[in-house]
């Protein structure tokens, strides 16, 4: 039987020596295995296909009984690993807190204990762009329920 730990070890081997990092592995009923891999730039379809091939080769005959899906995490999906915060530093994020509040702004910095998010303040003069707050909001990581990259259209 295929386990998440087994697939995780195989993925870690397949991506060792590259700038890719594992975001998550999920083994679903019916032999569906979902692997999410990312890197500090945009990961290409060719790189994902190469990881898929390596996994299939390592699994051998077991791979024939699985539906193996290797992809990058979607834009609207919550961050799962700290390296995703590092990747998105300087970009717009939406942080959902455990108390129900949402903080939206530019992720200024991340460390394992605190997120720094700089929010925009709407301009009081119609037609002017919003201004950035002087100080970033410090959010303890233990208060964060989820963080997602925000998509902005100008």
Protein backbone atom coordinates (compact mmCIF):
# COMPACT_ATOMS: atom_id res chain seq x y z
CA UNK A 1 0.00 0.00 0.00
CA UNK A 2 1.24 3.48 -0.91
CA UNK A 3 1.53 5.92 2.02
CA UNK A 4 2.08 9.67 2.15
CA UNK A 5 5.40 9.10 3.93
CA UNK A 6 6.61 6.77 1.17
CA UNK A 7 5.62 9.23 -1.59
CA UNK A 8 7.16 12.11 0.38
CA UNK A 9 10.51 10.30 0.56
CA UNK A 10 10.39 9.55 -3.19
CA UNK A 11 9.55 13.16 -4.06
CA UNK A 12 12.33 14.47 -1.80
CA UNK A 13 14.77 12.17 -3.67
CA UNK A 14 13.42 13.27 -7.05
CA UNK A 15 13.84 16.98 -6.30
CA UNK A 16 17.12 16.82 -4.36
CA UNK A 17 19.79 18.97 -5.94
CA UNK A 18 17.22 21.30 -7.52
CA UNK A 19 15.62 24.53 -6.32
CA UNK A 20 12.23 22.77 -6.06
CA UNK A 21 10.53 22.20 -2.72
CA UNK A 22 7.71 19.91 -1.64
CA UNK A 23 4.48 21.65 -0.64
CA UNK A 24 2.33 18.61 0.07
CA UNK A 25 1.45 15.00 -0.62
CA UNK A 26 -2.04 13.56 -0.37
CA UNK A 27 -3.06 9.94 -0.92
CA UNK A 28 -6.78 9.80 -1.68
CA UNK A 29 -9.10 6.82 -1.89
CA UNK A 30 -9.16 5.03 -5.22
CA UNK A 31 -5.40 5.18 -5.71
CA UNK A 32 -5.20 8.92 -6.38
CA UNK A 33 -1.91 10.50 -5.31
CA UNK A 34 -1.66 14.30 -5.42
CA UNK A 35 1.80 15.87 -5.14
CA UNK A 36 2.35 19.65 -5.00
CA UNK A 37 5.84 20.94 -5.78
CA UNK A 38 7.01 24.54 -6.13
CA UNK A 39 10.20 26.59 -6.36
CA UNK A 40 11.26 30.17 -5.78
CA UNK A 41 10.39 31.15 -9.35
CA UNK A 42 7.58 29.85 -11.57
CA UNK A 43 7.85 26.07 -11.98
CA UNK A 44 7.37 24.88 -15.56
CA UNK A 45 5.19 22.11 -16.93
CA UNK A 46 8.31 20.33 -18.18
CA UNK A 47 9.79 20.30 -14.68
CA UNK A 48 6.56 18.90 -13.23
CA UNK A 49 6.48 16.21 -15.93
CA UNK A 50 10.09 15.27 -15.13
CA UNK A 51 9.24 14.86 -11.43
CA UNK A 52 6.23 12.73 -12.42
CA UNK A 53 8.47 10.50 -14.57
CA UNK A 54 11.00 10.08 -11.77
CA UNK A 55 8.24 9.10 -9.32
CA UNK A 56 6.75 6.59 -11.76
CA UNK A 57 10.18 5.03 -12.32
CA UNK A 58 10.79 4.73 -8.57
CA UNK A 59 7.35 3.25 -7.93
CA UNK A 60 7.78 0.68 -10.68
CA UNK A 61 4.78 -1.64 -11.22
CA UNK A 62 2.89 0.02 -8.34
CA UNK A 63 2.60 3.17 -10.48
CA UNK A 64 0.31 1.36 -12.92
CA UNK A 65 -2.37 1.11 -10.24
CA UNK A 66 -2.17 4.79 -9.26
CA UNK A 67 -3.42 8.05 -10.64
CA UNK A 68 -0.38 10.25 -9.99
CA UNK A 69 -0.98 14.00 -10.17
CA UNK A 70 2.08 16.26 -9.87
CA UNK A 71 1.33 19.98 -9.93
CA UNK A 72 2.22 23.33 -8.45
CA UNK A 73 -0.02 24.82 -5.75
CA UNK A 74 -2.73 27.04 -7.18
CA UNK A 75 -2.74 30.82 -6.67
CA UNK A 76 -5.88 30.80 -4.55
CA UNK A 77 -4.67 27.99 -2.30
CA UNK A 78 -3.48 28.65 1.26
CA UNK A 79 0.25 28.42 1.96
CA UNK A 80 1.25 25.09 3.51
CA UNK A 81 5.00 25.42 4.10
CA UNK A 82 7.21 28.29 5.33
CA UNK A 83 9.14 28.45 2.05
CA UNK A 84 5.97 29.64 0.30
CA UNK A 85 5.98 32.71 2.58
CA UNK A 86 9.59 33.38 1.61
CA UNK A 87 8.72 33.01 -2.08
CA UNK A 88 5.85 35.50 -1.78
CA UNK A 89 7.76 38.15 0.19
CA UNK A 90 7.12 41.48 -1.52
CA UNK A 91 3.83 40.31 -3.01
CA UNK A 92 0.22 40.94 -2.05
CA UNK A 93 -1.29 38.44 0.41
CA UNK A 94 -4.50 37.92 2.34
CA UNK A 95 -4.00 36.65 5.90
CA UNK A 96 -6.98 35.07 7.67
CA UNK A 97 -6.60 35.12 11.46
CA UNK A 98 -8.09 32.66 13.96
CA UNK A 99 -10.28 35.44 15.44
CA UNK A 100 -11.99 35.95 12.06
CA UNK A 101 -10.18 39.13 11.01
CA UNK A 102 -8.47 39.41 7.63
CA UNK A 103 -5.32 41.43 6.98
CA UNK A 104 -4.55 42.26 3.36
CA UNK A 105 -1.38 43.88 2.12
CA UNK A 106 2.15 43.32 0.92
CA UNK A 107 4.13 40.61 2.73
CA UNK A 108 7.22 42.52 3.87
CA UNK A 109 9.01 39.83 5.85
CA UNK A 110 8.58 36.36 7.29
CA UNK A 111 10.29 34.44 10.03
CA UNK A 112 9.03 31.29 11.76
CA UNK A 113 7.34 33.36 14.47
CA UNK A 114 6.09 36.59 12.84
CA UNK A 115 4.67 37.82 9.52
CA UNK A 116 5.08 41.48 8.60
CA UNK A 117 2.33 42.80 6.32
CA UNK A 118 2.19 46.41 5.09
CA UNK A 119 -1.35 47.56 4.37
CA UNK A 120 -2.57 50.15 1.88
CA UNK A 121 -4.58 53.15 3.02
CA UNK A 122 -7.09 54.55 0.51
CA UNK A 123 -6.32 58.11 -0.62
CA UNK A 124 -8.66 60.82 0.63
CA UNK A 125 -8.40 62.51 -2.76
CA UNK A 126 -10.44 60.85 -5.46
CA UNK A 127 -8.33 59.48 -8.33
CA UNK A 128 -5.08 59.26 -6.38
CA UNK A 129 -3.51 55.87 -5.76
CA UNK A 130 -3.61 54.44 -2.24
CA UNK A 131 -0.65 54.99 0.08
CA UNK A 132 1.24 52.36 2.05
CA UNK A 133 1.12 52.52 5.85
CA UNK A 134 4.45 53.54 7.39
CA UNK A 135 4.70 50.56 9.72
CA UNK A 136 4.02 46.96 8.80
CA UNK A 137 1.54 45.00 10.89
CA UNK A 138 3.32 42.34 12.95
CA UNK A 139 1.26 39.12 12.99
CA UNK A 140 2.37 36.22 15.20
CA UNK A 141 2.33 33.02 13.15
CA UNK A 142 0.31 31.17 15.83
CA UNK A 143 -2.58 33.63 15.17
CA UNK A 144 -2.64 32.86 11.42
CA UNK A 145 -5.33 30.48 10.20
CA UNK A 146 -4.36 30.72 6.53
CA UNK A 147 -2.46 32.92 4.10
CA UNK A 148 -3.10 33.18 0.37
CA UNK A 149 -1.43 35.11 -2.41
CA UNK A 150 -3.71 37.86 -3.69
CA UNK A 151 -4.21 38.49 -7.35
CA UNK A 152 -4.44 42.18 -8.25
CA UNK A 153 -5.47 43.63 -11.59
CA UNK A 154 -4.42 47.18 -12.36
